Amino acid sequence: VQLQASGGGLVQAGGSLRLSCAASGRSFNRYAMGWFRQAPGKEREFVAAVTWSGSTTYYVDSVKGRFTISRDNAKNTVYLQMNSLKPEDTAVYYCAARGGGYYDTRVNEYDYWGQGTQVTVSS
C-alpha cells in the first residue's frame, strides 16, 4: 500500500483545513487508517484513527470535537477534517495504514506511512 497525503497549508487560528490521504494498491478496505502528527523537536503522536469499515473512530483528547476522521473505501481515501485550529496543532501530519482492520494509537503498530503534509496555524 502506498499512501499520499495532501491538503496541508497555512491557516489562521480558528480556521479549517481538510487533509486527504489517497491509497494505492489492493485491499484498502482491509486496513485501519490513522493520522499522526509530529511537531519540531517532538515525537510523532497519534491524532485520530478509523476502522476498516469506517464505523468506529478514535481521537486523542486534544482534538476531540474539532477534528473528524472519515474514509471513502470506494475512492481509497481517508480524510481528516480539522476545524477550530489552534497554533498548537502546527505539525507535519502523516497518514498511516494498519493491517487487520482495527485501529491502534501506537506508531509502531502501523505498517505503511505517507510522506506527510505540513499544517501551520498562525496566532
C-alpha atoms as a PDB file:
ATOM      1  CA  VAL A   1       0.000   0.000   0.000  1.00  0.00           C
ATOM      2  CA  GLN A   2       1.317   3.426  -0.937  1.00  0.00           C
ATOM      3  CA  LEU A   3      -0.092   6.494   0.769  1.00  0.00           C
ATOM      4  CA  GLN A   4      -0.097  10.088  -0.470  1.00  0.00           C
ATOM      5  CA  ALA A   5      -1.142  12.808   1.953  1.00  0.00           C
ATOM      6  CA  SER A   6      -2.237  16.250   0.829  1.00  0.00           C
ATOM      7  CA  GLY A   7      -4.222  19.283   1.927  1.00  0.00           C
ATOM      8  CA  GLY A   8      -1.879  20.930   4.396  1.00  0.00           C
ATOM      9  CA  GLY A   9      -1.166  24.631   4.406  1.00  0.00           C
ATOM     10  CA  LEU A  10      -1.041  27.855   6.384  1.00  0.00           C
ATOM     11  CA  VAL A  11      -4.198  28.924   8.197  1.00  0.00           C
ATOM     12  CA  GLN A  12      -5.083  31.387  10.921  1.00  0.00           C
ATOM     13  CA  ALA A  13      -6.171  30.220  14.339  1.00  0.00           C
ATOM     14  CA  GLY A  14      -9.834  29.294  14.281  1.00  0.00           C
ATOM     15  CA  GLY A  15      -9.682  28.266  10.647  1.00  0.00           C
ATOM     16  CA  SER A  16     -10.174  24.915   8.974  1.00  0.00           C
ATOM     17  CA  LEU A  17      -8.291  22.519   6.755  1.00  0.00           C
ATOM     18  CA  ARG A  18      -9.159  19.177   5.228  1.00  0.00           C
ATOM     19  CA  LEU A  19      -6.395  16.641   4.809  1.00  0.00           C
ATOM     20  CA  SER A  20      -6.689  13.770   2.356  1.00  0.00           C
ATOM     21  CA  CYS A  21      -4.722  10.551   2.100  1.00  0.00           C
ATOM     22  CA  ALA A  22      -5.024   8.584  -1.120  1.00  0.00           C
ATOM     23  CA  ALA A  23      -4.021   4.936  -1.075  1.00  0.00           C
ATOM     24  CA  SER A  24      -2.857   2.871  -3.989  1.00  0.00           C
ATOM     25  CA  GLY A  25      -2.701  -0.871  -4.094  1.00  0.00           C
ATOM     26  CA  ARG A  26      -5.208  -3.510  -3.283  1.00  0.00           C
ATOM     27  CA  SER A  27      -7.371  -4.176  -0.283  1.00  0.00           C
ATOM     28  CA  PHE A  28      -7.577  -0.660   1.127  1.00  0.00           C
ATOM     29  CA  ASN A  29     -10.692  -1.688   2.991  1.00  0.00           C
ATOM     30  CA  ARG A  30      -8.710  -4.278   4.954  1.00  0.00           C
ATOM     31  CA  TYR A  31      -6.710  -1.592   6.693  1.00  0.00           C
ATOM     32  CA  ALA A  32      -7.484   0.628   9.611  1.00  0.00           C
ATOM     33  CA  MET A  33      -6.272   4.148   8.897  1.00  0.00           C
ATOM     34  CA  GLY A  34      -4.720   6.654  11.230  1.00  0.00           C
ATOM     35  CA  TRP A  35      -3.495  10.224  11.259  1.00  0.00           C
ATOM     36  CA  PHE A  36      -0.443  11.177  13.284  1.00  0.00           C
ATOM     37  CA  ARG A  37       1.459  14.422  13.645  1.00  0.00           C
ATOM     38  CA  GLN A  38       4.950  15.497  14.528  1.00  0.00           C
ATOM     39  CA  ALA A  39       5.930  18.964  15.665  1.00  0.00           C
ATOM     40  CA  PRO A  40       9.570  20.134  15.566  1.00  0.00           C
ATOM     41  CA  GLY A  41      11.579  18.596  18.373  1.00  0.00           C
ATOM     42  CA  LYS A  42       8.733  16.319  19.446  1.00  0.00           C
ATOM     43  CA  GLU A  43       7.871  12.689  18.946  1.00  0.00           C
ATOM     44  CA  ARG A  44       5.266  11.617  16.452  1.00  0.00           C
ATOM     45  CA  GLU A  45       1.895  11.426  18.160  1.00  0.00           C
ATOM     46  CA  PHE A  46      -1.437   9.836  17.434  1.00  0.00           C
ATOM     47  CA  VAL A  47      -4.260  12.131  16.323  1.00  0.00           C
ATOM     48  CA  ALA A  48      -7.154  10.032  15.011  1.00  0.00           C
ATOM     49  CA  ALA A  49      -7.988   6.649  13.553  1.00  0.00           C
ATOM     50  CA  VAL A  50     -10.811   4.842  11.812  1.00  0.00           C
ATOM     51  CA  THR A  51     -11.534   1.136  11.449  1.00  0.00           C
ATOM     52  CA  TRP A  52     -11.635  -0.610   8.072  1.00  0.00           C
ATOM     53  CA  SER A  53     -15.383  -0.094   7.688  1.00  0.00           C
ATOM     54  CA  GLY A  54     -15.456   3.462   8.936  1.00  0.00           C
ATOM     55  CA  SER A  55     -17.892   2.540  11.679  1.00  0.00           C
ATOM     56  CA  THR A  56     -15.582   3.309  14.598  1.00  0.00           C
ATOM     57  CA  THR A  57     -13.347   6.309  15.122  1.00  0.00           C
ATOM     58  CA  TYR A  58     -10.995   7.331  17.886  1.00  0.00           C
ATOM     59  CA  TYR A  59      -9.338  10.649  18.735  1.00  0.00           C
ATOM     60  CA  VAL A  60      -6.710  11.998  21.030  1.00  0.00           C
ATOM     61  CA  ASP A  61      -8.355  14.184  23.671  1.00  0.00           C
ATOM     62  CA  SER A  62      -6.787  17.398  22.397  1.00  0.00           C
ATOM     63  CA  VAL A  63      -8.648  17.224  19.057  1.00  0.00           C
ATOM     64  CA  LYS A  64     -11.991  15.776  20.138  1.00  0.00           C
ATOM     65  CA  GLY A  65     -14.856  17.918  18.957  1.00  0.00           C
ATOM     66  CA  ARG A  66     -12.638  19.755  16.465  1.00  0.00           C
ATOM     67  CA  PHE A  67     -11.282  17.055  14.124  1.00  0.00           C
ATOM     68  CA  THR A  68     -13.223  14.415  12.220  1.00  0.00           C
ATOM     69  CA  ILE A  69     -11.717  11.390  10.505  1.00  0.00           C
ATOM     70  CA  SER A  70     -13.597   9.613   7.755  1.00  0.00           C
ATOM     71  CA  ARG A  71     -12.918   7.294   4.847  1.00  0.00           C
ATOM     72  CA  ASP A  72     -14.329   6.510   1.446  1.00  0.00           C
ATOM     73  CA  ASN A  73     -13.375   2.948   0.554  1.00  0.00           C
ATOM     74  CA  ALA A  74     -14.699   3.353  -2.979  1.00  0.00           C
ATOM     75  CA  LYS A  75     -12.128   6.109  -3.513  1.00  0.00           C
ATOM     76  CA  ASN A  76      -9.358   4.536  -1.414  1.00  0.00           C
ATOM     77  CA  THR A  77      -9.127   7.758   0.546  1.00  0.00           C
ATOM     78  CA  VAL A  78      -9.164   8.789   4.182  1.00  0.00           C
ATOM     79  CA  TYR A  79      -9.833  12.348   5.322  1.00  0.00           C
ATOM     80  CA  LEU A  80      -9.135  14.477   8.346  1.00  0.00           C
ATOM     81  CA  GLN A  81     -11.398  17.500   8.672  1.00  0.00           C
ATOM     82  CA  MET A  82      -9.779  19.951  11.075  1.00  0.00           C
ATOM     83  CA  ASN A  83     -11.853  22.819  12.461  1.00  0.00           C
ATOM     84  CA  SER A  84     -11.158  25.457  15.101  1.00  0.00           C
ATOM     85  CA  LEU A  85      -7.452  25.059  14.523  1.00  0.00           C
ATOM     86  CA  LYS A  86      -5.013  26.232  17.175  1.00  0.00           C
ATOM     87  CA  PRO A  87      -1.333  27.172  16.939  1.00  0.00           C
ATOM     88  CA  GLU A  88      -0.501  24.020  18.904  1.00  0.00           C
ATOM     89  CA  ASP A  89      -1.910  21.956  16.022  1.00  0.00           C
ATOM     90  CA  THR A  90       1.060  23.055  13.923  1.00  0.00           C
ATOM     91  CA  ALA A  91       2.949  19.947  12.782  1.00  0.00           C
ATOM     92  CA  VAL A  92       3.654  17.655   9.885  1.00  0.00           C
ATOM     93  CA  TYR A  93       0.662  15.349   9.560  1.00  0.00           C
ATOM     94  CA  TYR A  94       1.090  11.758   8.434  1.00  0.00           C
ATOM     95  CA  CYS A  95      -1.436   9.172   7.391  1.00  0.00           C
ATOM     96  CA  ALA A  96      -0.792   5.517   8.107  1.00  0.00           C
ATOM     97  CA  ALA A  97      -2.338   2.129   7.399  1.00  0.00           C
ATOM     98  CA  ARG A  98      -2.603  -0.773   9.806  1.00  0.00           C
ATOM     99  CA  GLY A  99      -3.353  -4.283   8.647  1.00  0.00           C
ATOM    100  CA  GLY A 100      -6.059  -6.263  10.377  1.00  0.00           C
ATOM    101  CA  GLY A 101      -8.708  -3.585  10.161  1.00  0.00           C
ATOM    102  CA  TYR A 102      -8.790  -2.270  13.709  1.00  0.00           C
ATOM    103  CA  TYR A 103      -7.145   0.900  14.928  1.00  0.00           C
ATOM    104  CA  ASP A 104      -4.292   1.430  17.350  1.00  0.00           C
ATOM    105  CA  THR A 105      -2.754   4.567  18.792  1.00  0.00           C
ATOM    106  CA  ARG A 106       0.848   3.371  18.727  1.00  0.00           C
ATOM    107  CA  VAL A 107       3.165   4.472  15.940  1.00  0.00           C
ATOM    108  CA  ASN A 108       4.883   1.104  15.616  1.00  0.00           C
ATOM    109  CA  GLU A 109       1.583  -0.715  15.061  1.00  0.00           C
ATOM    110  CA  TYR A 110       1.156   0.822  11.598  1.00  0.00           C
ATOM    111  CA  ASP A 111       2.549  -0.875   8.523  1.00  0.00           C
ATOM    112  CA  TYR A 112       2.560   1.853   5.879  1.00  0.00           C
ATOM    113  CA  TRP A 113       3.111   5.598   6.056  1.00  0.00           C
ATOM    114  CA  GLY A 114       2.531   8.536   3.783  1.00  0.00           C
ATOM    115  CA  GLN A 115       5.099  11.276   3.235  1.00  0.00           C
ATOM    116  CA  GLY A 116       3.489  13.891   5.473  1.00  0.00           C
ATOM    117  CA  THR A 117       1.871  17.246   4.831  1.00  0.00           C
ATOM    118  CA  GLN A 118       2.703  20.444   6.725  1.00  0.00           C
ATOM    119  CA  VAL A 119      -0.003  22.210   8.707  1.00  0.00           C
ATOM    120  CA  THR A 120       0.860  25.629  10.112  1.00  0.00           C
ATOM    121  CA  VAL A 121      -1.581  27.555  12.273  1.00  0.00           C
ATOM    122  CA  SER A 122      -0.758  31.189  12.934  1.00  0.00           C
ATOM    123  CA  SER A 123      -1.966  33.051  16.009  1.00  0.00           C
END
